[in-house]
Amino acid sequence: GPVPVTAPRRPGSGSGRGGPPGPPE
């Protein structure tokens, strides 16, 4: 490798829930 890894989507991410987006993790 290295090879790309597809990570599972975290609960609550996207769709504008939880306020404004913070810095990228």
mmCIF file of all heavy atoms, coordinates in Angstrom:
data_MODEL
# 
_entry.id   MODEL 
# 
loop_
_atom_site.group_PDB 
_atom_site.id 
_atom_site.type_symbol 
_atom_site.label_atom_id 
_atom_site.label_alt_id 
_atom_site.label_comp_id 
_atom_site.label_asym_id 
_atom_site.label_entity_id 
_atom_site.label_seq_id 
_atom_site.pdbx_PDB_ins_code 
_atom_site.Cartn_x 
_atom_site.Cartn_y 
_atom_site.Cartn_z 
_atom_site.occupancy 
_atom_site.B_iso_or_equiv 
_atom_site.pdbx_formal_charge 
_atom_site.auth_seq_id 
_atom_site.auth_comp_id 
_atom_site.auth_asym_id 
_atom_site.auth_atom_id 
_atom_site.pdbx_PDB_model_num 
ATOM 1   N N   . GLY A 1 1  ? 0.827   -1.195 0.000  1.00 0.00 ? 1  GLY A N   1 
ATOM 2   C CA  . GLY A 1 1  ? 0.000   0.000  0.000  1.00 0.00 ? 1  GLY A CA  1 
ATOM 3   C C   . GLY A 1 1  ? 0.860   1.243  0.000  1.00 0.00 ? 1  GLY A C   1 
ATOM 4   O O   . GLY A 1 1  ? 2.020   1.190  -0.358 1.00 0.00 ? 1  GLY A O   1 
ATOM 5   N N   . PRO A 1 2  ? 0.292   2.330  0.381  1.00 0.00 ? 2  PRO A N   1 
ATOM 6   C CA  . PRO A 1 2  ? -1.013  2.530  0.999  1.00 0.00 ? 2  PRO A CA  1 
ATOM 7   C C   . PRO A 1 2  ? -2.155  2.466  -0.004 1.00 0.00 ? 2  PRO A C   1 
ATOM 8   O O   . PRO A 1 2  ? -1.984  2.764  -1.176 1.00 0.00 ? 2  PRO A O   1 
ATOM 9   C CB  . PRO A 1 2  ? -0.906  3.922  1.629  1.00 0.00 ? 2  PRO A CB  1 
ATOM 10  C CG  . PRO A 1 2  ? 0.125   4.633  0.832  1.00 0.00 ? 2  PRO A CG  1 
ATOM 11  C CD  . PRO A 1 2  ? 1.063   3.583  0.310  1.00 0.00 ? 2  PRO A CD  1 
ATOM 12  N N   . VAL A 1 3  ? -3.314  2.091  0.508  1.00 0.00 ? 3  VAL A N   1 
ATOM 13  C CA  . VAL A 1 3  ? -4.532  2.021  -0.287 1.00 0.00 ? 3  VAL A CA  1 
ATOM 14  C C   . VAL A 1 3  ? -5.617  2.825  0.416  1.00 0.00 ? 3  VAL A C   1 
ATOM 15  O O   . VAL A 1 3  ? -5.608  2.947  1.639  1.00 0.00 ? 3  VAL A O   1 
ATOM 16  C CB  . VAL A 1 3  ? -5.007  0.563  -0.505 1.00 0.00 ? 3  VAL A CB  1 
ATOM 17  C CG1 . VAL A 1 3  ? -3.998  -0.221 -1.312 1.00 0.00 ? 3  VAL A CG1 1 
ATOM 18  C CG2 . VAL A 1 3  ? -5.279  -0.119 0.812  1.00 0.00 ? 3  VAL A CG2 1 
ATOM 19  N N   . PRO A 1 4  ? -6.558  3.388  -0.334 1.00 0.00 ? 4  PRO A N   1 
ATOM 20  C CA  . PRO A 1 4  ? -7.650  4.148  0.294  1.00 0.00 ? 4  PRO A CA  1 
ATOM 21  C C   . PRO A 1 4  ? -8.512  3.240  1.169  1.00 0.00 ? 4  PRO A C   1 
ATOM 22  O O   . PRO A 1 4  ? -8.731  2.080  0.858  1.00 0.00 ? 4  PRO A O   1 
ATOM 23  C CB  . PRO A 1 4  ? -8.459  4.673  -0.884 1.00 0.00 ? 4  PRO A CB  1 
ATOM 24  C CG  . PRO A 1 4  ? -7.590  4.508  -2.076 1.00 0.00 ? 4  PRO A CG  1 
ATOM 25  C CD  . PRO A 1 4  ? -6.626  3.415  -1.786 1.00 0.00 ? 4  PRO A CD  1 
ATOM 26  N N   . VAL A 1 5  ? -9.003  3.813  2.255  1.00 0.00 ? 5  VAL A N   1 
ATOM 27  C CA  . VAL A 1 5  ? -9.879  3.101  3.178  1.00 0.00 ? 5  VAL A CA  1 
ATOM 28  C C   . VAL A 1 5  ? -11.205 3.828  3.191  1.00 0.00 ? 5  VAL A C   1 
ATOM 29  O O   . VAL A 1 5  ? -11.246 5.048  3.334  1.00 0.00 ? 5  VAL A O   1 
ATOM 30  C CB  . VAL A 1 5  ? -9.284  3.083  4.605  1.00 0.00 ? 5  VAL A CB  1 
ATOM 31  C CG1 . VAL A 1 5  ? -10.248 2.452  5.583  1.00 0.00 ? 5  VAL A CG1 1 
ATOM 32  C CG2 . VAL A 1 5  ? -7.959  2.373  4.628  1.00 0.00 ? 5  VAL A CG2 1 
ATOM 33  N N   . THR A 1 6  ? -12.290 3.087  3.049  1.00 0.00 ? 6  THR A N   1 
ATOM 34  C CA  . THR A 1 6  ? -13.606 3.695  3.168  1.00 0.00 ? 6  THR A CA  1 
ATOM 35  C C   . THR A 1 6  ? -14.073 3.505  4.595  1.00 0.00 ? 6  THR A C   1 
ATOM 36  O O   . THR A 1 6  ? -14.162 2.387  5.090  1.00 0.00 ? 6  THR A O   1 
ATOM 37  C CB  . THR A 1 6  ? -14.613 3.048  2.201  1.00 0.00 ? 6  THR A CB  1 
ATOM 38  O OG1 . THR A 1 6  ? -14.646 1.653  2.444  1.00 0.00 ? 6  THR A OG1 1 
ATOM 39  C CG2 . THR A 1 6  ? -14.219 3.307  0.762  1.00 0.00 ? 6  THR A CG2 1 
ATOM 40  N N   . ALA A 1 7  ? -14.303 4.604  5.280  1.00 0.00 ? 7  ALA A N   1 
ATOM 41  C CA  . ALA A 1 7  ? -14.725 4.565  6.680  1.00 0.00 ? 7  ALA A CA  1 
ATOM 42  C C   . ALA A 1 7  ? -16.242 4.548  6.745  1.00 0.00 ? 7  ALA A C   1 
ATOM 43  O O   . ALA A 1 7  ? -16.915 5.208  5.945  1.00 0.00 ? 7  ALA A O   1 
ATOM 44  C CB  . ALA A 1 7  ? -14.181 5.774  7.429  1.00 0.00 ? 7  ALA A CB  1 
ATOM 45  N N   . PRO A 1 8  ? -16.803 3.819  7.720  1.00 0.00 ? 8  PRO A N   1 
ATOM 46  C CA  . PRO A 1 8  ? -18.257 3.859  7.878  1.00 0.00 ? 8  PRO A CA  1 
ATOM 47  C C   . PRO A 1 8  ? -18.706 5.246  8.307  1.00 0.00 ? 8  PRO A C   1 
ATOM 48  O O   . PRO A 1 8  ? -17.995 5.949  9.019  1.00 0.00 ? 8  PRO A O   1 
ATOM 49  C CB  . PRO A 1 8  ? -18.528 2.817  8.962  1.00 0.00 ? 8  PRO A CB  1 
ATOM 50  C CG  . PRO A 1 8  ? -17.242 2.642  9.681  1.00 0.00 ? 8  PRO A CG  1 
ATOM 51  C CD  . PRO A 1 8  ? -16.151 2.980  8.701  1.00 0.00 ? 8  PRO A CD  1 
ATOM 52  N N   . ARG A 1 9  ? -19.862 5.649  7.856  1.00 0.00 ? 9  ARG A N   1 
ATOM 53  C CA  . ARG A 1 9  ? -20.408 6.967  8.202  1.00 0.00 ? 9  ARG A CA  1 
ATOM 54  C C   . ARG A 1 9  ? -20.761 7.009  9.677  1.00 0.00 ? 9  ARG A C   1 
ATOM 55  O O   . ARG A 1 9  ? -21.391 6.110  10.198 1.00 0.00 ? 9  ARG A O   1 
ATOM 56  C CB  . ARG A 1 9  ? -21.647 7.229  7.347  1.00 0.00 ? 9  ARG A CB  1 
ATOM 57  C CG  . ARG A 1 9  ? -22.130 8.631  7.432  1.00 0.00 ? 9  ARG A CG  1 
ATOM 58  C CD  . ARG A 1 9  ? -23.240 8.808  6.389  1.00 0.00 ? 9  ARG A CD  1 
ATOM 59  N NE  . ARG A 1 9  ? -23.862 10.086 6.536  1.00 0.00 ? 9  ARG A NE  1 
ATOM 60  C CZ  . ARG A 1 9  ? -23.473 11.174 5.888  1.00 0.00 ? 9  ARG A CZ  1 
ATOM 61  N NH1 . ARG A 1 9  ? -22.466 11.101 5.065  1.00 0.00 ? 9  ARG A NH1 1 
ATOM 62  N NH2 . ARG A 1 9  ? -24.089 12.311 6.080  1.00 0.00 ? 9  ARG A NH2 1 
ATOM 63  N N   . ARG A 1 10 ? -20.339 8.080  10.347 1.00 0.00 ? 10 ARG A N   1 
ATOM 64  C CA  . ARG A 1 10 ? -20.604 8.229  11.781 1.00 0.00 ? 10 ARG A CA  1 
ATOM 65  C C   . ARG A 1 10 ? -22.035 8.684  11.997 1.00 0.00 ? 10 ARG A C   1 
ATOM 66  O O   . ARG A 1 10 ? -22.551 9.510  11.239 1.00 0.00 ? 10 ARG A O   1 
ATOM 67  C CB  . ARG A 1 10 ? -19.642 9.252  12.385 1.00 0.00 ? 10 ARG A CB  1 
ATOM 68  C CG  . ARG A 1 10 ? -18.219 8.765  12.403 1.00 0.00 ? 10 ARG A CG  1 
ATOM 69  C CD  . ARG A 1 10 ? -17.345 9.692  13.228 1.00 0.00 ? 10 ARG A CD  1 
ATOM 70  N NE  . ARG A 1 10 ? -17.491 11.091 12.894 1.00 0.00 ? 10 ARG A NE  1 
ATOM 71  C CZ  . ARG A 1 10 ? -16.668 11.764 12.104 1.00 0.00 ? 10 ARG A CZ  1 
ATOM 72  N NH1 . ARG A 1 10 ? -15.659 11.167 11.550 1.00 0.00 ? 10 ARG A NH1 1 
ATOM 73  N NH2 . ARG A 1 10 ? -16.863 13.044 11.871 1.00 0.00 ? 10 ARG A NH2 1 
ATOM 74  N N   . PRO A 1 11 ? -22.689 8.179  13.048 1.00 0.00 ? 11 PRO A N   1 
ATOM 75  C CA  . PRO A 1 11 ? -24.051 8.623  13.340 1.00 0.00 ? 11 PRO A CA  1 
ATOM 76  C C   . PRO A 1 11 ? -24.072 10.123 13.626 1.00 0.00 ? 11 PRO A C   1 
ATOM 77  O O   . PRO A 1 11 ? -23.173 10.652 14.274 1.00 0.00 ? 11 PRO A O   1 
ATOM 78  C CB  . PRO A 1 11 ? -24.430 7.842  14.594 1.00 0.00 ? 11 PRO A CB  1 
ATOM 79  C CG  . PRO A 1 11 ? -23.437 6.744  14.728 1.00 0.00 ? 11 PRO A CG  1 
ATOM 80  C CD  . PRO A 1 11 ? -22.218 7.180  13.969 1.00 0.00 ? 11 PRO A CD  1 
ATOM 81  N N   . GLY A 1 12 ? -25.088 10.806 13.123 1.00 0.00 ? 12 GLY A N   1 
ATOM 82  C CA  . GLY A 1 12 ? -25.249 12.229 13.393 1.00 0.00 ? 12 GLY A CA  1 
ATOM 83  C C   . GLY A 1 12 ? -24.456 13.125 12.463 1.00 0.00 ? 12 GLY A C   1 
ATOM 84  O O   . GLY A 1 12 ? -24.533 14.337 12.558 1.00 0.00 ? 12 GLY A O   1 
ATOM 85  N N   . SER A 1 13 ? -23.642 12.540 11.558 1.00 0.00 ? 13 SER A N   1 
ATOM 86  C CA  . SER A 1 13 ? -22.874 13.405 10.660 1.00 0.00 ? 13 SER A CA  1 
ATOM 87  C C   . SER A 1 13 ? -23.744 13.757 9.456  1.00 0.00 ? 13 SER A C   1 
ATOM 88  O O   . SER A 1 13 ? -24.608 13.007 9.050  1.00 0.00 ? 13 SER A O   1 
ATOM 89  C CB  . SER A 1 13 ? -21.592 12.716 10.209 1.00 0.00 ? 13 SER A CB  1 
ATOM 90  O OG  . SER A 1 13 ? -21.895 11.568 9.455  1.00 0.00 ? 13 SER A OG  1 
ATOM 91  N N   . GLY A 1 14 ? -23.515 14.912 8.902  1.00 0.00 ? 14 GLY A N   1 
ATOM 92  C CA  . GLY A 1 14 ? -24.271 15.358 7.742  1.00 0.00 ? 14 GLY A CA  1 
ATOM 93  C C   . GLY A 1 14 ? -25.628 15.904 8.121  1.00 0.00 ? 14 GLY A C   1 
ATOM 94  O O   . GLY A 1 14 ? -25.980 16.045 9.276  1.00 0.00 ? 14 GLY A O   1 
ATOM 95  N N   . SER A 1 15 ? -26.426 16.240 7.157  1.00 0.00 ? 15 SER A N   1 
ATOM 96  C CA  . SER A 1 15 ? -27.810 16.742 7.234  1.00 0.00 ? 15 SER A CA  1 
ATOM 97  C C   . SER A 1 15 ? -27.975 17.940 8.154  1.00 0.00 ? 15 SER A C   1 
ATOM 98  O O   . SER A 1 15 ? -29.062 18.219 8.606  1.00 0.00 ? 15 SER A O   1 
ATOM 99  C CB  . SER A 1 15 ? -28.770 15.619 7.640  1.00 0.00 ? 15 SER A CB  1 
ATOM 100 O OG  . SER A 1 15 ? -28.597 15.278 9.003  1.00 0.00 ? 15 SER A OG  1 
ATOM 101 N N   . GLY A 1 16 ? -26.908 18.664 8.496  1.00 0.00 ? 16 GLY A N   1 
ATOM 102 C CA  . GLY A 1 16 ? -27.029 19.909 9.236  1.00 0.00 ? 16 GLY A CA  1 
ATOM 103 C C   . GLY A 1 16 ? -27.416 19.775 10.684 1.00 0.00 ? 16 GLY A C   1 
ATOM 104 O O   . GLY A 1 16 ? -27.762 20.753 11.319 1.00 0.00 ? 16 GLY A O   1 
ATOM 105 N N   . ARG A 1 17 ? -27.427 18.599 11.251 1.00 0.00 ? 17 ARG A N   1 
ATOM 106 C CA  . ARG A 1 17 ? -27.811 18.421 12.650 1.00 0.00 ? 17 ARG A CA  1 
ATOM 107 C C   . ARG A 1 17 ? -26.636 18.760 13.553 1.00 0.00 ? 17 ARG A C   1 
ATOM 108 O O   . ARG A 1 17 ? -25.494 18.487 13.244 1.00 0.00 ? 17 ARG A O   1 
ATOM 109 C CB  . ARG A 1 17 ? -28.243 16.986 12.893 1.00 0.00 ? 17 ARG A CB  1 
ATOM 110 C CG  . ARG A 1 17 ? -29.485 16.621 12.092 1.00 0.00 ? 17 ARG A CG  1 
ATOM 111 C CD  . ARG A 1 17 ? -29.870 15.194 12.280 1.00 0.00 ? 17 ARG A CD  1 
ATOM 112 N NE  . ARG A 1 17 ? -30.277 14.987 13.666 1.00 0.00 ? 17 ARG A NE  1 
ATOM 113 C CZ  . ARG A 1 17 ? -30.475 13.814 14.195 1.00 0.00 ? 17 ARG A CZ  1 
ATOM 114 N NH1 . ARG A 1 17 ? -30.292 12.741 13.475 1.00 0.00 ? 17 ARG A NH1 1 
ATOM 115 N NH2 . ARG A 1 17 ? -30.844 13.696 15.447 1.00 0.00 ? 17 ARG A NH2 1 
ATOM 116 N N   . GLY A 1 18 ? -26.936 19.355 14.680 1.00 0.00 ? 18 GLY A N   1 
ATOM 117 C CA  . GLY A 1 18 ? -25.894 19.600 15.676 1.00 0.00 ? 18 GLY A CA  1 
ATOM 118 C C   . GLY A 1 18 ? -25.211 20.936 15.559 1.00 0.00 ? 18 GLY A C   1 
ATOM 119 O O   . GLY A 1 18 ? -24.169 21.131 16.139 1.00 0.00 ? 18 GLY A O   1 
ATOM 120 N N   . GLY A 1 19 ? -25.734 21.868 14.799 1.00 0.00 ? 19 GLY A N   1 
ATOM 121 C CA  . GLY A 1 19 ? -25.143 23.197 14.748 1.00 0.00 ? 19 GLY A CA  1 
ATOM 122 C C   . GLY A 1 19 ? -24.159 23.352 13.617 1.00 0.00 ? 19 GLY A C   1 
ATOM 123 O O   . GLY A 1 19 ? -24.036 22.508 12.748 1.00 0.00 ? 19 GLY A O   1 
ATOM 124 N N   . PRO A 1 20 ? -23.402 24.472 13.653 1.00 0.00 ? 20 PRO A N   1 
ATOM 125 C CA  . PRO A 1 20 ? -22.478 24.750 12.558 1.00 0.00 ? 20 PRO A CA  1 
ATOM 126 C C   . PRO A 1 20 ? -21.323 23.764 12.560 1.00 0.00 ? 20 PRO A C   1 
ATOM 127 O O   . PRO A 1 20 ? -20.932 23.253 13.596 1.00 0.00 ? 20 PRO A O   1 
ATOM 128 C CB  . PRO A 1 20 ? -21.997 26.182 12.852 1.00 0.00 ? 20 PRO A CB  1 
ATOM 129 C CG  . PRO A 1 20 ? -22.212 26.355 14.310 1.00 0.00 ? 20 PRO A CG  1 
ATOM 130 C CD  . PRO A 1 20 ? -23.384 25.506 14.678 1.00 0.00 ? 20 PRO A CD  1 
ATOM 131 N N   . PRO A 1 21 ? -20.759 23.499 11.389 1.00 0.00 ? 21 PRO A N   1 
ATOM 132 C CA  . PRO A 1 21 ? -19.644 22.562 11.329 1.00 0.00 ? 21 PRO A CA  1 
ATOM 133 C C   . PRO A 1 21 ? -18.413 23.140 12.020 1.00 0.00 ? 21 PRO A C   1 
ATOM 134 O O   . PRO A 1 21 ? -18.152 24.333 11.950 1.00 0.00 ? 21 PRO A O   1 
ATOM 135 C CB  . PRO A 1 21 ? -19.406 22.361 9.830  1.00 0.00 ? 21 PRO A CB  1 
ATOM 136 C CG  . PRO A 1 21 ? -19.988 23.575 9.191  1.00 0.00 ? 21 PRO A CG  1 
ATOM 137 C CD  . PRO A 1 21 ? -21.103 24.035 10.082 1.00 0.00 ? 21 PRO A CD  1 
ATOM 138 N N   . GLY A 1 22 ? -17.685 22.281 12.691 1.00 0.00 ? 22 GLY A N   1 
ATOM 139 C CA  . GLY A 1 22 ? -16.454 22.688 13.351 1.00 0.00 ? 22 GLY A CA  1 
ATOM 140 C C   . GLY A 1 22 ? -15.269 22.420 12.450 1.00 0.00 ? 22 GLY A C   1 
ATOM 141 O O   . GLY A 1 22 ? -15.427 22.133 11.262 1.00 0.00 ? 22 GLY A O   1 
ATOM 142 N N   . PRO A 1 23 ? -14.066 22.498 13.014 1.00 0.00 ? 23 PRO A N   1 
ATOM 143 C CA  . PRO A 1 23 ? -12.880 22.227 12.208 1.00 0.00 ? 23 PRO A CA  1 
ATOM 144 C C   . PRO A 1 23 ? -12.868 20.761 11.802 1.00 0.00 ? 23 PRO A C   1 
ATOM 145 O O   . PRO A 1 23 ? -13.390 19.907 12.507 1.00 0.00 ? 23 PRO A O   1 
ATOM 146 C CB  . PRO A 1 23 ? -11.720 22.549 13.160 1.00 0.00 ? 23 PRO A CB  1 
ATOM 147 C CG  . PRO A 1 23 ? -12.308 22.447 14.520 1.00 0.00 ? 23 PRO A CG  1 
ATOM 148 C CD  . PRO A 1 23 ? -13.746 22.803 14.396 1.00 0.00 ? 23 PRO A CD  1 
ATOM 149 N N   . PRO A 1 24 ? -12.288 20.434 10.652 1.00 0.00 ? 24 PRO A N   1 
ATOM 150 C CA  . PRO A 1 24 ? -12.267 19.045 10.216 1.00 0.00 ? 24 PRO A CA  1 
ATOM 151 C C   . PRO A 1 24 ? -11.428 18.204 11.165 1.00 0.00 ? 24 PRO A C   1 
ATOM 152 O O   . PRO A 1 24 ? -10.400 18.639 11.661 1.00 0.00 ? 24 PRO A O   1 
ATOM 153 C CB  . PRO A 1 24 ? -11.643 19.096 8.820  1.00 0.00 ? 24 PRO A CB  1 
ATOM 154 C CG  . PRO A 1 24 ? -10.939 20.390 8.751  1.00 0.00 ? 24 PRO A CG  1 
ATOM 155 C CD  . PRO A 1 24 ? -11.619 21.321 9.707  1.00 0.00 ? 24 PRO A CD  1 
ATOM 156 N N   . GLU A 1 25 ? -11.918 17.008 11.446 1.00 0.00 ? 25 GLU A N   1 
ATOM 157 C CA  . GLU A 1 25 ? -11.172 16.059 12.264 1.00 0.00 ? 25 GLU A CA  1 
ATOM 158 C C   . GLU A 1 25 ? -10.410 15.131 11.338 1.00 0.00 ? 25 GLU A C   1 
ATOM 159 O O   . GLU A 1 25 ? -10.663 15.078 10.139 1.00 0.00 ? 25 GLU A O   1 
ATOM 160 C CB  . GLU A 1 25 ? -12.133 15.242 13.123 1.00 0.00 ? 25 GLU A CB  1 
ATOM 161 C CG  . GLU A 1 25 ? -12.977 16.089 14.049 1.00 0.00 ? 25 GLU A CG  1 
ATOM 162 C CD  . GLU A 1 25 ? -13.989 15.222 14.794 1.00 0.00 ? 25 GLU A CD  1 
ATOM 163 O OE1 . GLU A 1 25 ? -13.790 14.000 14.880 1.00 0.00 ? 25 GLU A OE1 1 
ATOM 164 O OE2 . GLU A 1 25 ? -14.972 15.780 15.285 1.00 0.00 ? 25 GLU A OE2 1 
# 
